[in-house]
Protein backbone atom coordinates (compact mmCIF):
# COMPACT_ATOMS: atom_id res chain seq x y z
CA MET A 1 -48.78 -22.27 13.45
CA TYR A 2 -48.68 -24.99 10.77
CA PHE A 3 -50.32 -22.64 8.26
CA LYS A 4 -47.80 -19.87 8.97
CA ALA A 5 -44.83 -22.22 8.69
CA GLY A 6 -46.15 -23.67 5.46
CA LEU A 7 -46.69 -20.22 4.01
CA THR A 8 -43.15 -19.18 4.91
CA VAL A 9 -41.67 -22.23 3.17
CA TYR A 10 -43.84 -21.59 0.13
CA LEU A 11 -42.82 -17.93 -0.10
CA LEU A 12 -39.13 -18.71 0.18
CA GLN A 13 -39.37 -21.46 -2.43
CA THR A 14 -41.18 -19.09 -4.74
CA TYR A 15 -38.50 -16.46 -4.13
CA PHE A 16 -35.74 -18.73 -5.35
CA MET A 17 -37.78 -19.94 -8.37
CA ASN A 18 -38.66 -16.47 -9.59
CA ARG A 19 -37.33 -13.62 -7.46
CA SER A 20 -38.60 -10.72 -9.53
CA LYS A 21 -42.07 -12.22 -10.01
CA PHE A 22 -42.31 -13.09 -6.34
CA LEU A 23 -41.50 -9.57 -5.21
CA SER A 24 -43.83 -7.96 -7.70
CA LEU A 25 -46.74 -10.23 -6.78
CA THR A 26 -46.40 -10.16 -3.03
CA GLY A 27 -44.93 -6.70 -2.43
CA LEU A 28 -43.21 -8.11 0.65
CA SER A 29 -40.35 -5.66 0.85
CA PHE A 30 -39.21 -7.16 4.12
CA VAL A 31 -38.21 -10.36 2.32
CA SER A 32 -36.05 -8.36 -0.06
CA ALA A 33 -34.49 -6.57 2.89
CA ILE A 34 -33.65 -9.88 4.55
CA PHE A 35 -31.90 -11.19 1.47
CA MET A 36 -30.10 -7.92 0.77
CA SER A 37 -28.88 -7.90 4.36
CA ALA A 38 -27.57 -11.43 3.96
CA HIS A 39 -25.80 -10.42 0.76
CA LYS A 40 -24.12 -7.47 2.46
CA LYS A 41 -22.91 -9.66 5.29
CA ALA A 42 -21.51 -12.16 2.80
CA ALA A 43 -19.64 -9.38 1.02
CA LYS A 44 -17.64 -8.47 4.14
CA ILE A 45 -13.96 -9.37 4.19
CA PRO A 46 -13.54 -12.76 5.95
CA VAL A 47 -11.25 -12.97 8.94
CA THR A 48 -8.67 -15.35 10.38
CA ASP A 49 -9.00 -17.24 13.64
CA CYS A 50 -7.32 -14.21 15.24
CA GLY A 51 -9.93 -11.84 13.87
CA ASP A 52 -7.59 -10.25 11.34
CA PRO A 53 -8.90 -9.78 7.80
CA ILE A 54 -7.99 -12.29 5.12
CA THR A 55 -6.00 -10.21 2.62
CA PRO A 56 -8.38 -9.19 -0.18
CA PRO A 57 -7.39 -9.45 -3.86
CA VAL A 58 -6.85 -6.69 -6.40
CA PRO A 59 -6.41 -7.56 -10.11
CA GLU A 60 -2.78 -7.90 -11.24
CA GLY A 61 -3.08 -5.16 -13.87
CA PRO A 62 -1.29 -5.01 -17.23
CA PHE A 63 2.34 -4.91 -16.07
CA TYR A 64 3.03 -8.31 -14.51
CA LYS A 65 5.80 -10.51 -15.85
CA ASP A 66 7.25 -13.62 -14.27
CA GLU A 67 10.89 -12.59 -14.51
CA LYS A 68 12.00 -15.40 -12.19
CA LEU A 69 14.24 -13.02 -10.28
CA MET A 70 14.89 -14.35 -6.79
CA ARG A 71 16.49 -11.36 -5.10
CA ALA A 72 16.06 -9.14 -2.08
CA ASN A 73 17.31 -5.90 -3.62
CA ILE A 74 15.14 -4.93 -6.60
CA ILE A 75 16.32 -1.32 -7.05
CA GLU A 76 19.05 -1.78 -9.68
CA HIS A 77 19.86 1.78 -10.88
CA LYS A 78 16.54 3.42 -10.01
CA LYS A 79 16.48 6.62 -7.96
CA GLY A 80 13.95 7.28 -5.23
CA THR A 81 13.45 7.18 -1.48
CA ASP A 82 14.77 3.86 -0.19
CA ILE A 83 12.33 1.63 1.63
CA GLU A 84 12.60 -1.89 3.03
CA TYR A 85 9.49 -4.02 2.63
CA ILE A 86 9.00 -6.58 5.39
CA PHE A 87 6.33 -9.13 4.57
CA LYS A 88 4.87 -11.96 6.59
CA VAL A 89 2.63 -14.73 5.28
CA GLU A 90 0.16 -16.42 7.62
CA ASP A 91 -2.62 -18.92 7.06
CA LYS A 92 -6.20 -18.50 8.23
CA HIS A 93 -5.23 -20.07 11.56
CA CYS A 94 -2.65 -17.29 12.14
CA LYS A 95 0.27 -19.70 11.65
CA PRO A 96 3.34 -18.51 9.70
CA VAL A 97 3.76 -20.08 6.27
CA GLN A 98 7.34 -21.13 5.57
CA GLY A 99 8.45 -21.37 1.93
CA ALA A 100 5.73 -19.13 0.53
CA ILE A 101 6.85 -17.16 -2.53
CA VAL A 102 6.18 -13.42 -2.36
CA ASP A 103 6.51 -11.91 -5.84
CA ILE A 104 6.38 -8.11 -6.10
CA TRP A 105 6.56 -5.48 -8.83
CA GLN A 106 6.07 -1.72 -8.87
CA CYS A 107 6.56 1.41 -10.94
CA ASP A 108 9.52 3.75 -10.54
CA ALA A 109 9.47 7.34 -9.26
CA ASP A 110 8.10 8.51 -12.62
CA GLY A 111 5.26 5.97 -12.66
CA VAL A 112 6.88 3.67 -15.24
CA TYR A 113 7.17 -0.15 -15.19
CA SER A 114 10.11 -2.18 -16.45
CA ASP A 115 10.14 -4.65 -19.35
CA PHE A 116 7.19 -3.41 -21.40
CA LYS A 117 7.28 -2.02 -24.94
CA GLN A 118 4.59 0.58 -24.23
CA GLU A 119 6.73 1.85 -21.35
CA ASN A 120 9.88 1.91 -23.53
CA THR A 121 11.56 -0.40 -21.01
CA LEU A 122 11.85 -3.75 -22.81
CA ASN A 123 14.44 -6.13 -21.32
CA GLU A 124 14.84 -4.03 -18.17
CA THR A 125 14.02 -5.75 -14.90
CA TRP A 126 14.21 -3.12 -12.17
CA LEU A 127 11.68 -3.09 -9.31
CA ARG A 128 10.71 -6.71 -9.76
CA GLY A 129 11.63 -9.80 -7.79
CA TYR A 130 10.57 -12.54 -5.42
CA GLN A 131 11.63 -14.02 -2.11
CA ALA A 132 10.71 -17.15 -0.15
CA THR A 133 9.52 -16.80 3.43
CA ASP A 134 11.56 -18.17 6.32
CA LYS A 135 10.34 -20.30 9.23
CA SER A 136 8.75 -17.18 10.72
CA GLY A 137 6.81 -16.63 7.50
CA GLU A 138 8.83 -13.49 6.72
CA CYS A 139 10.81 -12.11 3.80
CA ARG A 140 12.30 -8.71 2.94
CA PHE A 141 12.95 -6.55 -0.10
CA THR A 142 15.01 -3.41 -0.58
CA SER A 143 13.24 -1.05 -2.97
CA ILE A 144 12.31 2.58 -3.53
CA PHE A 145 9.00 4.14 -2.60
CA PRO A 146 6.85 3.83 -5.73
CA GLY A 147 5.75 6.79 -7.81
CA TRP A 148 2.31 6.99 -9.40
CA TYR A 149 0.51 7.26 -12.71
CA ASN A 150 -2.90 8.46 -13.89
CA GLY A 151 -5.92 6.51 -12.71
CA ARG A 152 -4.31 4.76 -9.74
CA ILE A 153 -3.51 5.63 -6.17
CA THR A 154 0.10 4.93 -5.15
CA HIS A 155 0.64 1.18 -4.83
CA LEU A 156 2.82 -1.85 -5.32
CA HIS A 157 1.75 -5.25 -6.63
CA ALA A 158 2.17 -8.63 -4.98
CA LYS A 159 1.44 -12.28 -5.57
CA VAL A 160 1.68 -14.98 -2.92
CA HIS A 161 2.41 -18.54 -4.07
CA VAL A 162 2.14 -21.52 -1.72
CA ASN A 163 3.05 -25.03 -2.85
CA GLY A 164 3.06 -23.96 -6.47
CA ALA A 165 -0.37 -22.32 -6.40
CA VAL A 166 -1.12 -18.61 -6.52
CA LEU A 167 -3.20 -17.98 -3.41
CA LEU A 168 -3.31 -14.21 -3.70
CA THR A 169 -2.84 -11.40 -6.21
CA THR A 170 -3.26 -7.95 -4.73
CA ASN A 171 -2.01 -4.37 -4.29
CA LEU A 172 -0.59 -2.68 -1.22
CA PHE A 173 -1.18 1.00 -0.47
CA PHE A 174 0.18 3.81 1.68
CA ASP A 175 -1.21 6.48 3.96
CA LYS A 176 -1.60 9.81 2.15
CA GLU A 177 0.40 11.53 4.90
CA VAL A 178 3.37 9.26 4.18
CA GLU A 179 3.06 9.88 0.45
CA ALA A 180 2.82 13.65 0.89
CA GLU A 181 6.13 13.75 2.77
CA ILE A 182 7.97 11.52 0.33
CA PHE A 183 6.66 13.23 -2.78
CA LYS A 184 8.16 16.53 -1.64
CA SER A 185 11.49 15.14 -2.76
CA PRO A 186 12.86 16.23 -6.16
CA LEU A 187 13.32 12.51 -6.85
CA TYR A 188 9.55 12.46 -7.46
CA PRO A 189 9.06 15.19 -10.08
CA LYS A 190 5.30 14.66 -10.43
CA GLY A 191 4.68 15.66 -6.81
CA PRO A 192 1.68 14.39 -4.79
CA ASN A 193 -0.71 11.87 -6.28
CA PRO A 194 -4.12 13.60 -6.72
CA ILE A 195 -6.10 10.37 -7.16
CA ASP A 196 -8.19 9.22 -4.20
CA VAL A 197 -9.59 5.78 -3.44
CA LEU A 198 -12.99 6.27 -5.06
CA GLN A 199 -11.35 7.53 -8.27
CA ASP A 200 -8.99 4.57 -8.50
CA ILE A 201 -9.53 2.36 -11.55
CA GLU A 202 -9.45 -0.84 -9.49
CA LEU A 203 -11.06 0.31 -6.24
CA HIS A 204 -13.86 2.69 -7.29
CA VAL A 205 -16.25 -0.25 -7.67
CA ASP A 206 -16.12 -0.77 -3.90
CA LYS A 207 -17.99 2.48 -3.08
CA ASP A 208 -16.16 2.53 0.26
CA HIS A 209 -12.64 2.30 1.72
CA VAL A 210 -12.85 -1.12 3.39
CA ARG A 211 -10.70 -3.06 0.94
CA HIS A 212 -8.24 -0.18 0.61
CA ASP A 213 -7.85 0.22 4.36
CA THR A 214 -7.19 -3.50 4.73
CA LEU A 215 -4.33 -3.23 2.24
CA VAL A 216 -2.48 -0.21 3.67
CA MET A 217 1.12 -0.93 4.67
CA LYS A 218 2.45 0.24 8.02
CA VAL A 219 5.32 2.60 7.18
CA SER A 220 7.75 3.92 9.77
CA LYS A 221 11.45 4.75 10.15
CA ASN A 222 13.85 2.28 11.72
CA ALA A 223 16.66 3.16 14.12
CA GLY A 224 18.86 4.17 11.20
CA GLY A 225 16.24 6.53 9.82
CA LYS A 226 15.38 4.32 6.84
CA LEU A 227 11.79 3.71 5.80
CA GLU A 228 10.26 0.32 6.52
CA GLY A 229 6.95 -0.84 5.13
CA LYS A 230 5.37 -3.82 6.88
CA TYR A 231 2.43 -5.98 5.85
CA THR A 232 1.10 -9.41 6.82
CA PHE A 233 -0.58 -11.43 4.08
CA ALA A 234 -3.29 -13.61 5.54
CA VAL A 235 -4.08 -16.37 3.08
């Protein structure tokens, strides 16, 4: 028993000192499997005390600007299908976070962002803004359903700030069925977005849909027939 325990300690120490040499010398594939399994488990999205996933990040991309626009209606003159975004911010203990800043930006129905030279939209500020959460951890925006552009699935961007620190930068997505219905409208001249998750510039590295599925908004129609998109940020 002592010999076996000592050998195990020695093998594991050797593994950490020189992983490739250790595996080549011993040929103990089961050790590699153990460590690979541990790595896969570590890569899973962590969860809150309620068992809900902590919201995963997605890079902010090239079109973020801090416009310092505190407003609920971000449409300005843009045409598209109206949608109200209803966000909630919770901590890892499932408690609402009051005073969190939710900063969002998105492209228009043609897939164009405001206030960028390469988009020919300098000094325009449509489809950008931020709100602070109330005591229930909620805030709302009035917007249009975003269009799309090459290389990305349909999305909107968000940052969550708490006590002056950016706790999250991510994207939010939509069910393809919802998109298909909305993109029938002549307000979206490009029609349906042909890009799928594993072709997306930001998400293709995942090799699966786990992160994407965690970031899909729940979209439905309210009593007045207007679209509502709901999402809870768990930070």
